[in-house]
C-alpha atoms as a PDB file:
ATOM      1  CA  MET A   1     206.943 119.679  82.220  1.00  0.00           C
ATOM      2  CA  THR A   2     204.559 120.414  85.052  1.00  0.00           C
ATOM      3  CA  THR A   3     200.974 121.372  84.596  1.00  0.00           C
ATOM      4  CA  ALA A   4     199.295 123.971  86.748  1.00  0.00           C
ATOM      5  CA  PRO A   5     196.939 122.506  89.311  1.00  0.00           C
ATOM      6  CA  LYS A   6     193.288 122.688  88.341  1.00  0.00           C
ATOM      7  CA  LYS A   7     191.254 125.402  90.035  1.00  0.00           C
ATOM      8  CA  ARG A   8     188.462 124.250  92.257  1.00  0.00           C
ATOM      9  CA  PRO A   9     185.052 125.644  91.362  1.00  0.00           C
ATOM     10  CA  PRO A  10     183.939 128.452  93.666  1.00  0.00           C
ATOM     11  CA  GLN A  11     181.965 127.247  96.671  1.00  0.00           C
ATOM     12  CA  SER A  12     178.320 128.052  96.914  1.00  0.00           C
ATOM     13  CA  ARG A  13     177.494 130.616  99.567  1.00  0.00           C
ATOM     14  CA  THR A  14     173.698 130.259  99.260  1.00  0.00           C
ATOM     15  CA  GLY A  15     173.289 128.339 102.574  1.00  0.00           C
ATOM     16  CA  LEU A  16     172.364 125.080 100.737  1.00  0.00           C
ATOM     17  CA  THR A  17     174.270 121.842 100.344  1.00  0.00           C
ATOM     18  CA  ASP A  18     174.639 120.289  96.950  1.00  0.00           C
ATOM     19  CA  THR A  19     171.412 118.374  97.546  1.00  0.00           C
ATOM     20  CA  GLY A  20     169.510 121.543  98.169  1.00  0.00           C
ATOM     21  CA  VAL A  21     169.189 121.073 101.880  1.00  0.00           C
ATOM     22  CA  ARG A  22     170.033 123.982 104.217  1.00  0.00           C
ATOM     23  CA  LYS A  23     173.529 123.752 105.781  1.00  0.00           C
ATOM     24  CA  ALA A  24     173.553 122.912 109.452  1.00  0.00           C
ATOM     25  CA  ALA A  25     175.008 126.247 110.410  1.00  0.00           C
ATOM     26  CA  ASP A  26     172.074 128.039 108.761  1.00  0.00           C
ATOM     27  CA  LYS A  27     169.325 126.140 110.609  1.00  0.00           C
ATOM     28  CA  SER A  28     167.243 127.895 113.218  1.00  0.00           C
ATOM     29  CA  ALA A  29     166.675 126.368 116.705  1.00  0.00           C
ATOM     30  CA  ARG A  30     163.077 125.689 115.667  1.00  0.00           C
ATOM     31  CA  THR A  31     164.123 123.923 112.426  1.00  0.00           C
ATOM     32  CA  ARG A  32     166.486 121.716 114.485  1.00  0.00           C
ATOM     33  CA  ALA A  33     163.633 121.028 116.926  1.00  0.00           C
ATOM     34  CA  ARG A  34     161.407 119.898 114.042  1.00  0.00           C
ATOM     35  CA  GLU A  35     164.211 117.573 112.769  1.00  0.00           C
ATOM     36  CA  PHE A  36     164.638 115.956 116.172  1.00  0.00           C
ATOM     37  CA  ALA A  37     160.854 115.749 116.624  1.00  0.00           C
ATOM     38  CA  LEU A  38     160.546 114.004 113.289  1.00  0.00           C
ATOM     39  CA  GLN A  39     163.106 111.399 114.307  1.00  0.00           C
ATOM     40  CA  ALA A  40     161.428 110.964 117.613  1.00  0.00           C
ATOM     41  CA  LEU A  41     157.984 110.591 116.072  1.00  0.00           C
ATOM     42  CA  TYR A  42     159.421 108.025 113.639  1.00  0.00           C
ATOM     43  CA  GLN A  43     160.599 106.066 116.655  1.00  0.00           C
ATOM     44  CA  HIS A  44     157.081 106.275 118.061  1.00  0.00           C
ATOM     45  CA  LEU A  45     155.364 105.235 114.830  1.00  0.00           C
ATOM     46  CA  VAL A  46     157.724 102.416 113.884  1.00  0.00           C
ATOM     47  CA  GLY A  47     158.946 101.147 117.232  1.00  0.00           C
ATOM     48  CA  ARG A  48     155.861 102.033 119.307  1.00  0.00           C
ATOM     49  CA  ASN A  49     158.240 103.427 121.879  1.00  0.00           C
ATOM     50  CA  GLU A  50     156.897 105.598 124.755  1.00  0.00           C
ATOM     51  CA  ALA A  51     157.245 109.297 124.274  1.00  0.00           C
ATOM     52  CA  SER A  52     159.115 109.700 127.547  1.00  0.00           C
ATOM     53  CA  ALA A  53     161.751 107.150 126.588  1.00  0.00           C
ATOM     54  CA  ILE A  54     162.099 108.703 123.144  1.00  0.00           C
ATOM     55  CA  ASP A  55     162.417 112.150 124.722  1.00  0.00           C
ATOM     56  CA  SER A  56     165.286 111.081 127.025  1.00  0.00           C
ATOM     57  CA  PHE A  57     167.041 109.314 124.167  1.00  0.00           C
ATOM     58  CA  THR A  58     166.717 112.246 121.767  1.00  0.00           C
ATOM     59  CA  ARG A  59     167.976 114.829 124.261  1.00  0.00           C
ATOM     60  CA  ASP A  60     171.286 112.906 124.432  1.00  0.00           C
ATOM     61  CA  LEU A  61     171.839 113.084 120.642  1.00  0.00           C
ATOM     62  CA  ILE A  62     174.633 115.230 119.240  1.00  0.00           C
ATOM     63  CA  GLY A  63     173.374 118.717 118.367  1.00  0.00           C
ATOM     64  CA  PHE A  64     170.220 118.674 120.468  1.00  0.00           C
ATOM     65  CA  HIS A  65     171.547 121.596 122.512  1.00  0.00           C
ATOM     66  CA  LYS A  66     171.185 123.763 119.448  1.00  0.00           C
ATOM     67  CA  ALA A  67     167.478 122.921 119.134  1.00  0.00           C
ATOM     68  CA  ASP A  68     164.491 124.703 120.637  1.00  0.00           C
ATOM     69  CA  ALA A  69     163.834 122.259 123.479  1.00  0.00           C
ATOM     70  CA  ALA A  70     160.404 123.741 124.234  1.00  0.00           C
ATOM     71  CA  HIS A  71     159.232 123.421 120.659  1.00  0.00           C
ATOM     72  CA  PHE A  72     160.587 119.879 120.481  1.00  0.00           C
ATOM     73  CA  ASP A  73     158.623 119.018 123.662  1.00  0.00           C
ATOM     74  CA  ALA A  74     155.499 120.511 122.205  1.00  0.00           C
ATOM     75  CA  LEU A  75     155.849 118.668 118.936  1.00  0.00           C
ATOM     76  CA  LEU A  76     156.768 115.294 120.310  1.00  0.00           C
ATOM     77  CA  HIS A  77     154.334 115.075 123.234  1.00  0.00           C
ATOM     78  CA  GLY A  78     151.595 117.086 121.496  1.00  0.00           C
ATOM     79  CA  CYS A  79     151.664 114.840 118.377  1.00  0.00           C
ATOM     80  CA  VAL A  80     151.786 111.607 120.403  1.00  0.00           C
ATOM     81  CA  GLU A  81     148.967 112.730 122.726  1.00  0.00           C
ATOM     82  CA  SER A  82     146.728 113.946 119.919  1.00  0.00           C
ATOM     83  CA  ALA A  83     147.712 111.289 117.313  1.00  0.00           C
ATOM     84  CA  GLU A  84     144.084 110.117 116.761  1.00  0.00           C
ATOM     85  CA  ALA A  85     142.816 113.638 116.347  1.00  0.00           C
ATOM     86  CA  LEU A  86     145.657 114.530 113.987  1.00  0.00           C
ATOM     87  CA  ASP A  87     145.045 111.439 111.850  1.00  0.00           C
ATOM     88  CA  ALA A  88     141.330 112.343 111.738  1.00  0.00           C
ATOM     89  CA  LEU A  89     142.226 115.797 110.374  1.00  0.00           C
ATOM     90  CA  ILE A  90     144.729 114.453 107.853  1.00  0.00           C
ATOM     91  CA  THR A  91     142.929 111.313 106.549  1.00  0.00           C
ATOM     92  CA  PRO A  92     140.260 113.026 104.406  1.00  0.00           C
ATOM     93  CA  HIS A  93     142.982 114.713 102.379  1.00  0.00           C
ATOM     94  CA  LEU A  94     144.944 111.563 101.624  1.00  0.00           C
ATOM     95  CA  ASP A  95     144.920 109.766  98.255  1.00  0.00           C
ATOM     96  CA  ARG A  96     145.557 106.407  99.935  1.00  0.00           C
ATOM     97  CA  LYS A  97     145.066 104.730 103.256  1.00  0.00           C
ATOM     98  CA  MET A  98     146.981 105.978 106.266  1.00  0.00           C
ATOM     99  CA  ALA A  99     148.640 102.532 106.595  1.00  0.00           C
ATOM    100  CA  GLU A 100     150.177 102.968 103.170  1.00  0.00           C
ATOM    101  CA  ILE A 101     151.942 106.212 104.045  1.00  0.00           C
ATOM    102  CA  SER A 102     155.630 106.072 104.992  1.00  0.00           C
ATOM    103  CA  PRO A 103     156.190 106.721 108.709  1.00  0.00           C
ATOM    104  CA  VAL A 104     158.359 109.709 107.674  1.00  0.00           C
ATOM    105  CA  GLU A 105     155.675 111.404 105.765  1.00  0.00           C
ATOM    106  CA  HIS A 106     153.130 110.466 108.447  1.00  0.00           C
ATOM    107  CA  ALA A 107     155.266 112.152 111.142  1.00  0.00           C
ATOM    108  CA  ILE A 108     155.767 115.182 108.923  1.00  0.00           C
ATOM    109  CA  LEU A 109     152.022 115.564 108.437  1.00  0.00           C
ATOM    110  CA  TRP A 110     151.534 115.235 112.182  1.00  0.00           C
ATOM    111  CA  ILE A 111     154.074 118.099 112.685  1.00  0.00           C
ATOM    112  CA  GLY A 112     152.367 120.264 110.144  1.00  0.00           C
ATOM    113  CA  ALA A 113     148.819 119.707 111.459  1.00  0.00           C
ATOM    114  CA  TYR A 114     149.958 120.172 115.015  1.00  0.00           C
ATOM    115  CA  GLU A 115     151.733 123.442 114.247  1.00  0.00           C
ATOM    116  CA  PHE A 116     148.703 124.718 112.306  1.00  0.00           C
ATOM    117  CA  GLN A 117     146.614 124.148 115.450  1.00  0.00           C
ATOM    118  CA  ASN A 118     149.002 125.009 118.245  1.00  0.00           C
ATOM    119  CA  ALA A 119     151.926 127.120 116.994  1.00  0.00           C
ATOM    120  CA  LEU A 120     149.939 130.205 115.931  1.00  0.00           C
ATOM    121  CA  ASP A 121     153.099 132.272 116.087  1.00  0.00           C
ATOM    122  CA  VAL A 122     154.411 130.378 113.006  1.00  0.00           C
ATOM    123  CA  PRO A 123     152.747 131.582 109.811  1.00  0.00           C
ATOM    124  CA  TRP A 124     150.912 128.893 107.851  1.00  0.00           C
ATOM    125  CA  ARG A 125     153.281 129.226 104.858  1.00  0.00           C
ATOM    126  CA  VAL A 126     156.285 128.770 107.118  1.00  0.00           C
ATOM    127  CA  VAL A 127     154.739 125.578 108.568  1.00  0.00           C
ATOM    128  CA  ILE A 128     154.297 124.150 105.050  1.00  0.00           C
ATOM    129  CA  ASN A 129     157.779 125.250 103.996  1.00  0.00           C
ATOM    130  CA  GLU A 130     159.420 123.638 107.060  1.00  0.00           C
ATOM    131  CA  CYS A 131     157.519 120.411 106.431  1.00  0.00           C
ATOM    132  CA  ILE A 132     158.544 120.431 102.773  1.00  0.00           C
ATOM    133  CA  GLU A 133     162.178 120.823 103.855  1.00  0.00           C
ATOM    134  CA  LEU A 134     161.816 117.884 106.303  1.00  0.00           C
ATOM    135  CA  ALA A 135     160.334 115.761 103.543  1.00  0.00           C
ATOM    136  CA  LYS A 136     163.156 116.680 101.154  1.00  0.00           C
ATOM    137  CA  ALA A 137     165.785 115.826 103.757  1.00  0.00           C
ATOM    138  CA  PHE A 138     164.272 112.698 105.290  1.00  0.00           C
ATOM    139  CA  GLY A 139     161.462 111.497 103.057  1.00  0.00           C
ATOM    140  CA  GLY A 140     161.083 109.625  99.751  1.00  0.00           C
ATOM    141  CA  THR A 141     162.090 111.055  96.418  1.00  0.00           C
ATOM    142  CA  ASP A 142     158.931 113.039  95.649  1.00  0.00           C
ATOM    143  CA  GLY A 143     157.426 112.879  99.165  1.00  0.00           C
ATOM    144  CA  TYR A 144     157.777 116.602  99.603  1.00  0.00           C
ATOM    145  CA  LYS A 145     155.349 117.272  96.702  1.00  0.00           C
ATOM    146  CA  TRP A 146     152.775 114.975  98.349  1.00  0.00           C
ATOM    147  CA  VAL A 147     153.282 116.528 101.797  1.00  0.00           C
ATOM    148  CA  ASN A 148     152.906 119.994 100.194  1.00  0.00           C
ATOM    149  CA  GLY A 149     149.623 118.939  98.571  1.00  0.00           C
ATOM    150  CA  VAL A 150     148.121 117.533 101.795  1.00  0.00           C
ATOM    151  CA  LEU A 151     149.174 120.468 103.961  1.00  0.00           C
ATOM    152  CA  ASN A 152     147.877 122.987 101.399  1.00  0.00           C
ATOM    153  CA  GLN A 153     144.456 121.414 101.729  1.00  0.00           C
ATOM    154  CA  LEU A 154     144.639 121.295 105.491  1.00  0.00           C
ATOM    155  CA  ALA A 155     145.842 124.889 106.077  1.00  0.00           C
ATOM    156  CA  PRO A 156     142.585 126.651 105.037  1.00  0.00           C
ATOM    157  CA  LEU A 157     140.551 124.390 107.317  1.00  0.00           C
ATOM    158  CA  ILE A 158     142.635 125.109 110.431  1.00  0.00           C
ATOM    159  CA  ARG A 159     143.816 128.617 109.725  1.00  0.00           C
ATOM    160  CA  GLU A 160     140.934 129.891 107.630  1.00  0.00           C
ATOM    161  CA  GLN A 161     141.297 133.636 108.304  1.00  0.00           C
ATOM    162  CA  GLU A 162     145.101 133.690 107.993  1.00  0.00           C
ATOM    163  CA  VAL A 163     145.095 131.796 104.690  1.00  0.00           C
ATOM    164  CA  ALA A 164     142.240 133.896 103.257  1.00  0.00           C
ATOM    165  CA  ARG A 165     144.051 137.149 104.289  1.00  0.00           C
ATOM    166  CA  ASP A 166     147.283 135.977 102.620  1.00  0.00           C
ATOM    167  CA  LYS A 167     145.565 134.823  99.432  1.00  0.00           C
ATOM    168  CA  ALA A 168     143.671 138.167  99.172  1.00  0.00           C
ATOM    169  CA  ARG A 169     146.957 140.085  98.944  1.00  0.00           C
END
């Protein structure tokens, strides 16, 4: 007696993996640029590698050709060059010392603060959402909640009019 093969459950078509992260095919070039920038900034924070060496290494990684190279350049070099200023912006909103923050969350906060200041074509809510997604994919278990809290405090200080306009709606 043979039994019928079990049917597989239908596949999700929502654009998310089973962990809730966006599927690679659904990622924009800017999202990919942020992911590569995060990895590059991690190398800078942990290994103290030079930005130019990190840049060369990162461009050779599989999938980099699908990323927005100009946005990657802006994030990597902009964050490294303005690291002290970004830390000064972020530090008052932390619930612990900067040295106690994981390098992943530190780099994500740099990306968020940098985009708030320099990527004015990206709405503030998109900046926060992209940083939350980075934290979910690369950070600690609940790191995304913490990143969200810090960036939600920072957004009104840097993009005061945009945030006020959105909250008034």
